[in-house]
């Protein structure tokens, strides 16, 4: 499974993917086109975030792209062996030091003011985030949000677009433990019903095992 396929599976744009991993959209494009590759740390972050093995990323992200040049391929194999060894060591360390209670650690927050170019739309697409749950589990959910004009809407939907959680209002505040089934989830925040040309809002969302 390469990055392009991974994005499409989770309905993510290159900008969405870049924002999650704090890189530029051009960097994501270069990864997908084989012009450059994620380093070891980034490979681990991507695999951990989507709940897949690093091998699934390496085999399709690097090997096919270098197959066109046998000399480069020969040089790359030792590096891949080192990467695989490092990943195994990191995975062993993670399993040794963390239990199932830390299987998910997702958060996102922002404090932003939107101008007329954004508020000319009836609905503001404030934020989207994604997390994957390897097993059925109860998760600690904390939400804080506020806007000075209009309403905020927060929803969590599963990979079948079924809503698992929703909170609405000009002020969002909740803290509880919720049961989620194994799978991938999208967290989305939107705003509407505003009347002013300038709208300010802030929010923080965390989902932890």
N, C-alpha and C. Protein backbone atom coordinates (compact mmCIF):
# COMPACT_ATOMS: atom_id res chain seq x y z
N UNK A 1 0.85 -1.19 0.00
CA UNK A 1 0.00 0.00 0.00
C UNK A 1 0.89 1.24 0.00
N UNK A 2 0.90 2.05 -1.09
CA UNK A 2 1.72 3.24 -1.08
C UNK A 2 0.93 4.44 -0.56
N UNK A 3 1.61 5.59 -0.45
CA UNK A 3 1.00 6.77 0.18
C UNK A 3 -0.21 7.25 -0.62
N UNK A 4 -0.11 7.22 -1.93
CA UNK A 4 -1.23 7.67 -2.75
C UNK A 4 -2.46 6.80 -2.51
N UNK A 5 -2.27 5.49 -2.48
CA UNK A 5 -3.39 4.57 -2.21
C UNK A 5 -3.93 4.78 -0.80
N UNK A 6 -3.01 5.04 0.14
CA UNK A 6 -3.39 5.25 1.54
C UNK A 6 -4.27 6.48 1.67
N UNK A 7 -3.87 7.57 0.99
CA UNK A 7 -4.68 8.80 1.02
C UNK A 7 -6.08 8.56 0.48
N UNK A 8 -6.14 7.88 -0.68
CA UNK A 8 -7.43 7.68 -1.33
C UNK A 8 -8.34 6.79 -0.48
N UNK A 9 -7.75 5.81 0.20
CA UNK A 9 -8.54 4.93 1.06
C UNK A 9 -9.21 5.70 2.18
N UNK A 10 -8.50 6.71 2.71
CA UNK A 10 -9.04 7.49 3.82
C UNK A 10 -9.61 8.83 3.36
N UNK A 11 -9.80 8.98 2.03
CA UNK A 11 -10.41 10.17 1.45
C UNK A 11 -9.69 11.44 1.89
N UNK A 12 -8.38 11.41 1.77
CA UNK A 12 -7.54 12.54 2.17
C UNK A 12 -6.88 13.17 0.95
N UNK A 13 -6.81 14.50 0.94
CA UNK A 13 -6.05 15.18 -0.11
C UNK A 13 -4.58 15.21 0.28
N UNK A 14 -3.73 15.64 -0.66
CA UNK A 14 -2.32 15.78 -0.32
C UNK A 14 -2.13 16.82 0.78
N UNK A 15 -2.95 17.87 0.77
CA UNK A 15 -2.87 18.89 1.81
C UNK A 15 -3.24 18.30 3.18
N UNK A 16 -4.30 17.47 3.22
CA UNK A 16 -4.70 16.82 4.47
C UNK A 16 -3.56 15.99 5.03
N UNK A 17 -2.96 15.19 4.14
CA UNK A 17 -1.86 14.29 4.55
C UNK A 17 -0.68 15.12 5.04
N UNK A 18 -0.36 16.19 4.31
CA UNK A 18 0.77 17.04 4.68
C UNK A 18 0.56 17.70 6.03
N UNK A 19 -0.67 18.15 6.31
CA UNK A 19 -0.96 18.81 7.58
C UNK A 19 -0.81 17.86 8.76
N UNK A 20 -1.24 16.61 8.58
CA UNK A 20 -1.16 15.62 9.66
C UNK A 20 0.28 15.37 10.06
N UNK A 21 1.18 15.28 9.05
CA UNK A 21 2.56 14.91 9.34
C UNK A 21 3.52 16.10 9.29
N UNK A 22 2.92 17.33 9.24
CA UNK A 22 3.70 18.57 9.34
C UNK A 22 4.79 18.66 8.26
N UNK A 23 4.40 18.36 7.02
CA UNK A 23 5.29 18.54 5.88
C UNK A 23 4.54 19.34 4.83
N UNK A 24 5.23 19.73 3.74
CA UNK A 24 4.56 20.49 2.69
C UNK A 24 3.83 19.56 1.74
N UNK A 25 2.86 20.11 1.02
CA UNK A 25 2.15 19.32 0.03
C UNK A 25 3.11 18.83 -1.05
N UNK A 26 4.11 19.65 -1.41
CA UNK A 26 5.08 19.26 -2.42
C UNK A 26 5.88 18.04 -1.98
N UNK A 27 6.18 17.98 -0.67
CA UNK A 27 6.91 16.82 -0.15
C UNK A 27 6.09 15.55 -0.33
N UNK A 28 4.79 15.62 -0.03
CA UNK A 28 3.91 14.46 -0.22
C UNK A 28 3.87 14.06 -1.69
N UNK A 29 3.80 15.08 -2.58
CA UNK A 29 3.78 14.81 -4.01
C UNK A 29 5.07 14.11 -4.46
N UNK A 30 6.21 14.58 -3.93
CA UNK A 30 7.49 13.96 -4.28
C UNK A 30 7.57 12.52 -3.81
N UNK A 31 7.02 12.24 -2.62
CA UNK A 31 6.99 10.86 -2.11
C UNK A 31 6.19 9.97 -3.06
N UNK A 32 5.05 10.47 -3.48
CA UNK A 32 4.16 9.67 -4.31
C UNK A 32 4.73 9.46 -5.72
N UNK A 33 5.52 10.44 -6.20
CA UNK A 33 6.08 10.33 -7.54
C UNK A 33 7.47 9.69 -7.55
N UNK A 34 7.96 9.29 -6.37
CA UNK A 34 9.25 8.62 -6.31
C UNK A 34 10.44 9.55 -6.43
N UNK A 35 10.22 10.88 -6.30
CA UNK A 35 11.33 11.83 -6.39
C UNK A 35 12.12 11.89 -5.08
N UNK A 36 11.49 11.55 -4.00
CA UNK A 36 12.15 11.46 -2.70
C UNK A 36 11.37 10.48 -1.84
N UNK A 37 11.95 10.13 -0.67
CA UNK A 37 11.31 9.13 0.18
C UNK A 37 11.27 9.61 1.62
N UNK A 38 10.25 9.18 2.39
CA UNK A 38 10.21 9.51 3.83
C UNK A 38 11.41 8.89 4.54
N UNK A 39 11.93 9.59 5.57
CA UNK A 39 13.01 8.99 6.35
C UNK A 39 12.42 7.96 7.32
N UNK A 40 13.32 7.31 8.06
CA UNK A 40 12.89 6.22 8.94
C UNK A 40 11.85 6.70 9.95
N UNK A 41 12.11 7.85 10.56
CA UNK A 41 11.19 8.38 11.58
C UNK A 41 9.81 8.65 10.98
N UNK A 42 9.79 9.21 9.76
CA UNK A 42 8.51 9.50 9.12
C UNK A 42 7.78 8.23 8.73
N UNK A 43 8.52 7.20 8.25
CA UNK A 43 7.91 5.93 7.92
C UNK A 43 7.20 5.32 9.13
N UNK A 44 7.88 5.41 10.28
CA UNK A 44 7.30 4.87 11.51
C UNK A 44 6.05 5.65 11.90
N UNK A 45 6.10 7.00 11.77
CA UNK A 45 4.94 7.84 12.11
C UNK A 45 3.74 7.49 11.22
N UNK A 46 4.00 7.34 9.91
CA UNK A 46 2.91 7.05 8.98
C UNK A 46 2.31 5.68 9.26
N UNK A 47 3.18 4.68 9.45
CA UNK A 47 2.68 3.33 9.70
C UNK A 47 1.92 3.24 11.02
N UNK A 48 2.42 3.95 12.05
CA UNK A 48 1.76 3.94 13.35
C UNK A 48 0.41 4.64 13.28
N UNK A 49 0.35 5.76 12.53
CA UNK A 49 -0.88 6.54 12.43
C UNK A 49 -2.00 5.75 11.76
N UNK A 50 -1.65 5.00 10.68
CA UNK A 50 -2.67 4.28 9.93
C UNK A 50 -2.79 2.81 10.32
N UNK A 51 -1.98 2.38 11.28
CA UNK A 51 -2.09 1.02 11.76
C UNK A 51 -1.67 -0.02 10.74
N UNK A 52 -0.65 0.30 9.94
CA UNK A 52 -0.13 -0.66 8.97
C UNK A 52 1.35 -0.87 9.22
N UNK A 53 1.94 -1.92 8.61
CA UNK A 53 3.36 -2.18 8.81
C UNK A 53 4.20 -1.28 7.91
N UNK A 54 5.43 -1.01 8.37
CA UNK A 54 6.35 -0.21 7.57
C UNK A 54 6.68 -0.94 6.27
N UNK A 55 6.71 -2.30 6.32
CA UNK A 55 6.99 -3.08 5.12
C UNK A 55 6.02 -2.75 3.99
N UNK A 56 4.75 -2.53 4.35
CA UNK A 56 3.76 -2.21 3.33
C UNK A 56 4.07 -0.89 2.65
N UNK A 57 4.66 0.05 3.40
CA UNK A 57 5.05 1.33 2.82
C UNK A 57 6.34 1.18 2.01
N UNK A 58 7.33 0.50 2.59
CA UNK A 58 8.64 0.38 1.94
C UNK A 58 8.55 -0.38 0.63
N UNK A 59 7.87 -1.51 0.61
CA UNK A 59 7.86 -2.39 -0.56
C UNK A 59 7.30 -1.71 -1.79
N UNK A 60 6.29 -0.86 -1.59
CA UNK A 60 5.70 -0.22 -2.76
C UNK A 60 6.17 1.22 -2.95
N UNK A 61 6.67 1.84 -1.87
CA UNK A 61 7.10 3.22 -2.01
C UNK A 61 8.53 3.32 -2.55
N UNK A 62 9.36 2.30 -2.27
CA UNK A 62 10.76 2.45 -2.65
C UNK A 62 11.22 1.44 -3.67
N UNK A 63 10.92 0.16 -3.48
CA UNK A 63 11.48 -0.87 -4.35
C UNK A 63 11.06 -0.70 -5.81
N UNK A 64 9.76 -0.54 -6.13
CA UNK A 64 9.38 -0.41 -7.53
C UNK A 64 10.02 0.79 -8.20
N UNK A 65 10.16 1.91 -7.48
CA UNK A 65 10.66 3.12 -8.07
C UNK A 65 12.13 3.01 -8.44
N UNK A 66 12.89 2.16 -7.75
CA UNK A 66 14.32 2.03 -8.06
C UNK A 66 14.59 0.85 -8.96
N UNK A 67 13.56 0.06 -9.28
CA UNK A 67 13.77 -1.12 -10.12
C UNK A 67 14.23 -0.74 -11.51
N UNK A 68 13.98 0.51 -11.93
CA UNK A 68 14.37 0.95 -13.25
C UNK A 68 15.89 1.09 -13.37
N UNK A 69 16.57 1.20 -12.26
CA UNK A 69 18.01 1.42 -12.27
C UNK A 69 18.67 0.38 -11.39
N UNK A 70 19.28 -0.63 -12.00
CA UNK A 70 19.81 -1.76 -11.24
C UNK A 70 20.92 -1.34 -10.29
N UNK A 71 21.77 -0.37 -10.70
CA UNK A 71 22.86 0.07 -9.83
C UNK A 71 22.32 0.71 -8.56
N UNK A 72 21.32 1.57 -8.72
CA UNK A 72 20.72 2.22 -7.55
C UNK A 72 20.03 1.19 -6.67
N UNK A 73 19.42 0.19 -7.32
CA UNK A 73 18.69 -0.83 -6.55
C UNK A 73 19.66 -1.63 -5.68
N UNK A 74 20.84 -1.96 -6.24
CA UNK A 74 21.83 -2.71 -5.47
C UNK A 74 22.30 -1.93 -4.26
N UNK A 75 22.41 -0.60 -4.43
CA UNK A 75 22.85 0.24 -3.32
C UNK A 75 21.74 0.42 -2.29
N UNK A 76 20.51 0.32 -2.73
CA UNK A 76 19.38 0.59 -1.83
C UNK A 76 19.07 -0.58 -0.91
N UNK A 77 19.32 -1.82 -1.39
CA UNK A 77 18.97 -2.99 -0.58
C UNK A 77 19.62 -3.00 0.80
N UNK A 78 20.94 -2.70 0.91
CA UNK A 78 21.53 -2.66 2.27
C UNK A 78 20.85 -1.62 3.16
N UNK A 79 20.48 -0.47 2.56
CA UNK A 79 19.81 0.57 3.34
C UNK A 79 18.45 0.09 3.82
N UNK A 80 17.73 -0.63 2.94
CA UNK A 80 16.42 -1.16 3.33
C UNK A 80 16.56 -2.17 4.46
N UNK A 81 17.64 -2.97 4.40
CA UNK A 81 17.86 -3.94 5.46
C UNK A 81 18.10 -3.24 6.80
N UNK A 82 18.87 -2.13 6.75
CA UNK A 82 19.12 -1.36 7.97
C UNK A 82 17.82 -0.75 8.48
N UNK A 83 17.01 -0.19 7.55
CA UNK A 83 15.74 0.41 7.94
C UNK A 83 14.84 -0.63 8.59
N UNK A 84 14.76 -1.82 7.97
CA UNK A 84 13.90 -2.88 8.52
C UNK A 84 14.35 -3.27 9.92
N UNK A 85 15.68 -3.33 10.13
CA UNK A 85 16.22 -3.68 11.45
C UNK A 85 15.86 -2.61 12.47
N UNK A 86 16.04 -1.34 12.07
CA UNK A 86 15.72 -0.22 12.98
C UNK A 86 14.24 -0.22 13.33
N UNK A 87 13.40 -0.46 12.32
CA UNK A 87 11.95 -0.48 12.55
C UNK A 87 11.58 -1.59 13.52
N UNK A 88 12.19 -2.76 13.35
CA UNK A 88 11.91 -3.88 14.25
C UNK A 88 12.30 -3.54 15.68
N UNK A 89 13.45 -2.89 15.83
CA UNK A 89 13.91 -2.51 17.17
C UNK A 89 12.98 -1.48 17.80
N UNK A 90 12.55 -0.51 16.98
CA UNK A 90 11.62 0.51 17.48
C UNK A 90 10.29 -0.13 17.87
N UNK A 91 9.82 -1.07 17.02
CA UNK A 91 8.56 -1.76 17.32
C UNK A 91 8.65 -2.56 18.60
N UNK A 92 9.79 -3.25 18.79
CA UNK A 92 9.98 -4.02 20.02
C UNK A 92 10.01 -3.11 21.24
N UNK A 93 10.68 -1.98 21.09
CA UNK A 93 10.74 -1.02 22.19
C UNK A 93 9.35 -0.49 22.54
N UNK A 94 8.57 -0.19 21.49
CA UNK A 94 7.21 0.33 21.70
C UNK A 94 6.35 -0.70 22.44
N UNK A 95 6.40 -1.95 21.97
CA UNK A 95 5.59 -3.00 22.60
C UNK A 95 6.01 -3.25 24.04
N UNK A 96 7.29 -3.10 24.29
CA UNK A 96 7.79 -3.36 25.65
C UNK A 96 7.40 -2.26 26.62
N UNK A 97 7.37 -1.03 26.12
CA UNK A 97 7.17 0.11 27.02
C UNK A 97 5.75 0.63 27.08
N UNK A 98 4.87 0.17 26.17
CA UNK A 98 3.51 0.68 26.18
C UNK A 98 2.52 -0.48 26.17
N UNK A 99 1.46 -0.30 26.92
CA UNK A 99 0.43 -1.33 26.93
C UNK A 99 -0.74 -0.90 26.08
N UNK A 100 -1.84 -1.66 26.10
CA UNK A 100 -2.97 -1.40 25.22
C UNK A 100 -3.66 -0.08 25.52
N UNK A 101 -3.47 0.45 26.72
CA UNK A 101 -4.11 1.71 27.06
C UNK A 101 -3.58 2.86 26.22
N UNK A 102 -2.43 2.69 25.57
CA UNK A 102 -1.84 3.75 24.77
C UNK A 102 -1.92 3.44 23.28
N UNK A 103 -2.90 2.63 22.89
CA UNK A 103 -3.01 2.22 21.49
C UNK A 103 -3.41 3.38 20.58
N UNK A 104 -4.07 4.39 21.11
CA UNK A 104 -4.46 5.55 20.32
C UNK A 104 -4.11 6.83 21.08
N UNK A 105 -3.49 7.75 20.38
CA UNK A 105 -3.18 9.05 20.98
C UNK A 105 -3.35 10.10 19.89
N UNK A 106 -4.58 10.63 19.77
CA UNK A 106 -4.92 11.57 18.70
C UNK A 106 -5.34 12.90 19.31
N UNK A 107 -4.89 13.99 18.71
CA UNK A 107 -5.33 15.31 19.18
C UNK A 107 -5.20 16.31 18.05
N UNK A 108 -6.01 17.33 18.10
CA UNK A 108 -5.89 18.45 17.17
C UNK A 108 -6.48 19.69 17.83
N UNK A 109 -5.91 20.85 17.53
CA UNK A 109 -6.41 22.10 18.12
C UNK A 109 -6.04 23.28 17.22
N UNK A 110 -6.79 24.36 17.38
CA UNK A 110 -6.53 25.54 16.57
C UNK A 110 -7.23 26.74 17.18
N UNK A 111 -6.65 27.91 16.98
CA UNK A 111 -7.25 29.19 17.37
C UNK A 111 -7.11 30.08 16.14
N UNK A 112 -8.23 30.38 15.46
CA UNK A 112 -8.13 31.05 14.17
C UNK A 112 -9.28 32.03 13.96
N UNK A 113 -8.99 33.08 13.19
CA UNK A 113 -10.00 34.05 12.80
C UNK A 113 -10.18 33.97 11.29
N UNK A 114 -11.43 33.88 10.84
CA UNK A 114 -11.74 33.76 9.43
C UNK A 114 -12.29 35.07 8.90
N UNK A 115 -11.82 35.49 7.74
CA UNK A 115 -12.27 36.73 7.12
C UNK A 115 -13.39 36.50 6.13
N UNK A 116 -13.71 37.55 5.38
CA UNK A 116 -14.88 37.52 4.49
C UNK A 116 -14.73 36.48 3.39
N UNK A 117 -13.51 36.23 2.93
CA UNK A 117 -13.33 35.25 1.86
C UNK A 117 -13.80 33.86 2.29
N UNK A 118 -13.70 33.59 3.60
CA UNK A 118 -14.14 32.29 4.11
C UNK A 118 -15.61 32.34 4.53
N UNK A 119 -16.02 33.43 5.18
CA UNK A 119 -17.40 33.51 5.70
C UNK A 119 -18.42 33.78 4.61
N UNK A 120 -17.97 34.03 3.38
CA UNK A 120 -18.92 34.17 2.27
C UNK A 120 -19.59 32.84 1.97
N UNK A 121 -18.96 31.74 2.43
CA UNK A 121 -19.56 30.42 2.29
C UNK A 121 -20.53 30.16 3.46
N UNK A 122 -21.59 29.43 3.19
CA UNK A 122 -22.57 29.15 4.24
C UNK A 122 -21.99 28.29 5.35
N UNK A 123 -21.04 27.43 4.99
CA UNK A 123 -20.44 26.53 5.97
C UNK A 123 -18.92 26.61 5.90
N UNK A 124 -18.30 26.75 7.06
CA UNK A 124 -16.84 26.75 7.14
C UNK A 124 -16.34 25.34 7.42
N UNK A 125 -15.46 24.84 6.57
CA UNK A 125 -14.81 23.56 6.84
C UNK A 125 -13.61 23.86 7.73
N UNK A 126 -13.80 23.71 9.03
CA UNK A 126 -12.78 24.14 9.99
C UNK A 126 -11.60 23.17 10.06
N UNK A 127 -11.87 21.87 10.20
CA UNK A 127 -10.76 20.92 10.36
C UNK A 127 -11.22 19.49 10.11
N UNK A 128 -10.24 18.66 9.71
CA UNK A 128 -10.43 17.22 9.59
C UNK A 128 -9.22 16.51 10.17
N UNK A 129 -9.46 15.39 10.86
CA UNK A 129 -8.37 14.60 11.40
C UNK A 129 -8.74 13.12 11.33
N UNK A 130 -7.74 12.26 11.43
CA UNK A 130 -7.97 10.83 11.27
C UNK A 130 -7.20 10.04 12.33
N UNK A 131 -7.81 8.95 12.81
CA UNK A 131 -7.10 8.03 13.68
C UNK A 131 -7.59 6.61 13.41
N UNK A 132 -6.74 5.64 13.72
CA UNK A 132 -7.06 4.23 13.49
C UNK A 132 -6.97 3.47 14.80
N UNK A 133 -7.96 2.65 15.05
CA UNK A 133 -8.02 1.86 16.27
C UNK A 133 -7.73 0.40 15.93
N UNK A 134 -6.65 -0.18 16.45
CA UNK A 134 -6.29 -1.56 16.10
C UNK A 134 -7.21 -2.62 16.69
N UNK A 135 -7.88 -2.29 17.80
CA UNK A 135 -8.80 -3.23 18.44
C UNK A 135 -10.01 -2.49 19.00
N UNK A 136 -11.11 -3.22 19.25
CA UNK A 136 -12.26 -2.62 19.93
C UNK A 136 -11.79 -2.08 21.27
N UNK A 137 -12.23 -0.85 21.60
CA UNK A 137 -11.72 -0.26 22.83
C UNK A 137 -12.58 0.92 23.28
N UNK A 138 -12.55 1.19 24.57
CA UNK A 138 -13.13 2.41 25.10
C UNK A 138 -12.05 3.48 25.12
N UNK A 139 -12.38 4.66 24.58
CA UNK A 139 -11.41 5.74 24.48
C UNK A 139 -11.87 6.95 25.27
N UNK A 140 -10.90 7.68 25.81
CA UNK A 140 -11.19 8.92 26.52
C UNK A 140 -11.28 10.06 25.52
N UNK A 141 -12.45 10.69 25.45
CA UNK A 141 -12.69 11.79 24.52
C UNK A 141 -12.84 13.10 25.30
N UNK A 142 -12.09 14.12 24.89
CA UNK A 142 -12.20 15.45 25.49
C UNK A 142 -12.36 16.48 24.38
N UNK A 143 -13.38 17.33 24.52
CA UNK A 143 -13.66 18.34 23.50
C UNK A 143 -13.86 19.70 24.17
N UNK A 144 -13.21 20.71 23.62
CA UNK A 144 -13.42 22.10 24.04
C UNK A 144 -13.44 22.96 22.79
N UNK A 145 -14.48 23.77 22.63
CA UNK A 145 -14.54 24.64 21.46
C UNK A 145 -15.46 25.81 21.70
N UNK A 146 -15.20 26.91 21.00
CA UNK A 146 -16.02 28.10 21.17
C UNK A 146 -15.88 28.99 19.93
N UNK A 147 -16.98 29.63 19.54
CA UNK A 147 -16.95 30.60 18.45
C UNK A 147 -17.69 31.86 18.90
N UNK A 148 -17.25 33.01 18.38
CA UNK A 148 -17.90 34.27 18.77
C UNK A 148 -19.10 34.59 17.90
N UNK A 149 -19.38 33.75 16.89
CA UNK A 149 -20.53 33.99 16.03
C UNK A 149 -20.92 32.69 15.33
N UNK A 150 -22.15 32.23 15.51
CA UNK A 150 -22.60 31.03 14.83
C UNK A 150 -22.51 29.78 15.69
N UNK A 151 -22.48 28.64 15.03
CA UNK A 151 -22.44 27.34 15.71
C UNK A 151 -21.28 26.50 15.20
N UNK A 152 -20.75 25.68 16.09
CA UNK A 152 -19.74 24.70 15.73
C UNK A 152 -20.38 23.32 15.71
N UNK A 153 -19.88 22.45 14.84
CA UNK A 153 -20.38 21.08 14.76
C UNK A 153 -19.18 20.14 14.70
N UNK A 154 -19.11 19.22 15.64
CA UNK A 154 -18.04 18.23 15.66
C UNK A 154 -18.64 16.84 15.49
N UNK A 155 -18.07 16.06 14.59
CA UNK A 155 -18.57 14.70 14.39
C UNK A 155 -17.40 13.75 14.22
N UNK A 156 -17.62 12.50 14.63
CA UNK A 156 -16.67 11.43 14.41
C UNK A 156 -17.40 10.34 13.65
N UNK A 157 -16.91 10.00 12.44
CA UNK A 157 -17.55 8.99 11.62
C UNK A 157 -16.57 7.86 11.34
N UNK A 158 -17.10 6.64 11.15
CA UNK A 158 -16.24 5.49 10.87
C UNK A 158 -15.96 5.40 9.38
N UNK A 159 -15.26 4.35 8.95
CA UNK A 159 -14.86 4.21 7.56
C UNK A 159 -16.03 3.98 6.63
N UNK A 160 -17.21 3.66 7.20
CA UNK A 160 -18.43 3.52 6.40
C UNK A 160 -19.27 4.79 6.44
N UNK A 161 -18.66 5.87 6.95
CA UNK A 161 -19.30 7.18 7.07
C UNK A 161 -20.48 7.17 8.04
N UNK A 162 -20.48 6.22 8.97
CA UNK A 162 -21.50 6.16 10.00
C UNK A 162 -21.07 7.03 11.18
N UNK A 163 -21.96 7.92 11.63
CA UNK A 163 -21.63 8.85 12.71
C UNK A 163 -21.60 8.11 14.06
N UNK A 164 -20.49 8.23 14.75
CA UNK A 164 -20.32 7.58 16.05
C UNK A 164 -20.42 8.58 17.20
N UNK A 165 -20.26 9.86 16.89
CA UNK A 165 -20.30 10.89 17.94
C UNK A 165 -20.56 12.23 17.28
N UNK A 166 -21.39 13.07 17.93
CA UNK A 166 -21.65 14.40 17.39
C UNK A 166 -21.93 15.37 18.53
N UNK A 167 -21.42 16.61 18.37
CA UNK A 167 -21.61 17.65 19.35
C UNK A 167 -21.78 18.97 18.61
N UNK A 168 -22.83 19.76 18.98
CA UNK A 168 -23.14 20.99 18.26
C UNK A 168 -23.39 22.13 19.25
N UNK A 169 -23.14 23.37 18.78
CA UNK A 169 -23.43 24.54 19.59
C UNK A 169 -22.38 25.61 19.42
N UNK A 170 -22.65 26.81 19.99
CA UNK A 170 -21.65 27.87 19.92
C UNK A 170 -20.51 27.61 20.90
N UNK A 171 -20.75 26.69 21.84
CA UNK A 171 -19.69 26.27 22.76
C UNK A 171 -19.73 24.75 22.88
N UNK A 172 -18.60 24.11 22.62
CA UNK A 172 -18.51 22.65 22.70
C UNK A 172 -17.68 22.27 23.91
N UNK A 173 -18.23 21.45 24.76
CA UNK A 173 -17.49 21.01 25.94
C UNK A 173 -17.98 19.63 26.34
N UNK A 174 -17.06 18.67 26.37
CA UNK A 174 -17.45 17.31 26.72
C UNK A 174 -16.21 16.54 27.15
N UNK A 175 -16.41 15.62 28.07
CA UNK A 175 -15.33 14.75 28.52
C UNK A 175 -15.97 13.44 28.97
N UNK A 176 -15.70 12.38 28.22
CA UNK A 176 -16.31 11.09 28.56
C UNK A 176 -15.52 9.95 27.92
N UNK A 177 -15.89 8.74 28.31
CA UNK A 177 -15.25 7.55 27.75
C UNK A 177 -16.25 6.88 26.83
N UNK A 178 -15.86 6.67 25.56
CA UNK A 178 -16.76 6.10 24.56
C UNK A 178 -16.19 4.81 23.98
N UNK A 179 -17.08 3.90 23.62
CA UNK A 179 -16.67 2.62 23.02
C UNK A 179 -16.58 2.76 21.50
N UNK A 180 -15.45 2.39 20.93
CA UNK A 180 -15.26 2.39 19.49
C UNK A 180 -14.85 1.00 19.03
N UNK A 181 -15.35 0.60 17.87
CA UNK A 181 -14.94 -0.68 17.29
C UNK A 181 -13.64 -0.52 16.52
N UNK A 182 -12.95 -1.60 16.30
CA UNK A 182 -11.72 -1.61 15.52
C UNK A 182 -11.97 -1.01 14.15
N UNK A 183 -11.08 -0.11 13.70
CA UNK A 183 -11.25 0.50 12.38
C UNK A 183 -10.68 1.89 12.32
N UNK A 184 -10.99 2.60 11.23
CA UNK A 184 -10.48 3.95 11.00
C UNK A 184 -11.61 4.96 11.18
N UNK A 185 -11.26 6.14 11.70
CA UNK A 185 -12.26 7.16 12.01
C UNK A 185 -11.80 8.53 11.52
N UNK A 186 -12.79 9.35 11.15
CA UNK A 186 -12.52 10.73 10.74
C UNK A 186 -13.19 11.68 11.72
N UNK A 187 -12.44 12.66 12.19
CA UNK A 187 -12.95 13.71 13.08
C UNK A 187 -13.10 14.97 12.24
N UNK A 188 -14.30 15.54 12.22
CA UNK A 188 -14.54 16.71 11.38
C UNK A 188 -15.22 17.81 12.17
N UNK A 189 -14.77 19.06 11.95
CA UNK A 189 -15.36 20.22 12.61
C UNK A 189 -15.77 21.23 11.54
N UNK A 190 -17.01 21.70 11.62
CA UNK A 190 -17.50 22.72 10.71
C UNK A 190 -18.18 23.83 11.53
N UNK A 191 -18.41 24.96 10.87
CA UNK A 191 -19.11 26.09 11.52
C UNK A 191 -20.14 26.64 10.54
N UNK A 192 -21.27 27.13 11.08
CA UNK A 192 -22.29 27.75 10.23
C UNK A 192 -23.16 28.69 11.08
N UNK A 193 -24.19 29.23 10.45
CA UNK A 193 -25.15 30.13 11.13
C UNK A 193 -24.48 31.40 11.67
N UNK A 194 -23.34 31.79 11.09
CA UNK A 194 -22.68 33.03 11.52
C UNK A 194 -23.29 34.20 10.73
N UNK A 195 -23.19 35.39 11.31
CA UNK A 195 -23.78 36.59 10.70
C UNK A 195 -22.74 37.66 10.40
N UNK A 196 -21.63 37.63 11.09
CA UNK A 196 -20.59 38.63 10.89
C UNK A 196 -19.66 38.22 9.75
N UNK A 197 -18.92 39.21 9.22
CA UNK A 197 -17.96 38.95 8.15
C UNK A 197 -16.66 38.36 8.70
N UNK A 198 -16.42 38.59 9.97
CA UNK A 198 -15.22 38.05 10.61
C UNK A 198 -15.66 37.13 11.75
N UNK A 199 -15.20 35.90 11.72
CA UNK A 199 -15.58 34.90 12.72
C UNK A 199 -14.31 34.32 13.36
N UNK A 200 -14.27 34.34 14.69
CA UNK A 200 -13.14 33.76 15.41
C UNK A 200 -13.60 32.50 16.15
N UNK A 201 -12.74 31.53 16.20
CA UNK A 201 -13.07 30.31 16.93
C UNK A 201 -11.81 29.62 17.41
N UNK A 202 -11.97 28.79 18.40
CA UNK A 202 -10.86 27.95 18.84
C UNK A 202 -11.43 26.60 19.27
N UNK A 203 -10.61 25.58 19.19
CA UNK A 203 -11.07 24.24 19.57
C UNK A 203 -9.87 23.38 19.93
N UNK A 204 -10.15 22.36 20.72
CA UNK A 204 -9.17 21.31 20.99
C UNK A 204 -9.93 20.00 21.14
N UNK A 205 -9.40 18.96 20.53
CA UNK A 205 -10.02 17.63 20.58
C UNK A 205 -8.93 16.61 20.86
N UNK A 206 -9.18 15.71 21.79
CA UNK A 206 -8.22 14.64 22.04
C UNK A 206 -8.97 13.32 22.22
N UNK A 207 -8.40 12.28 21.63
CA UNK A 207 -8.93 10.92 21.76
C UNK A 207 -7.75 10.03 22.16
N UNK A 208 -7.84 9.43 23.35
CA UNK A 208 -6.72 8.64 23.86
C UNK A 208 -7.20 7.32 24.44
N UNK A 209 -6.35 6.30 24.30
CA UNK A 209 -6.65 5.01 24.88
C UNK A 209 -6.34 4.99 26.36
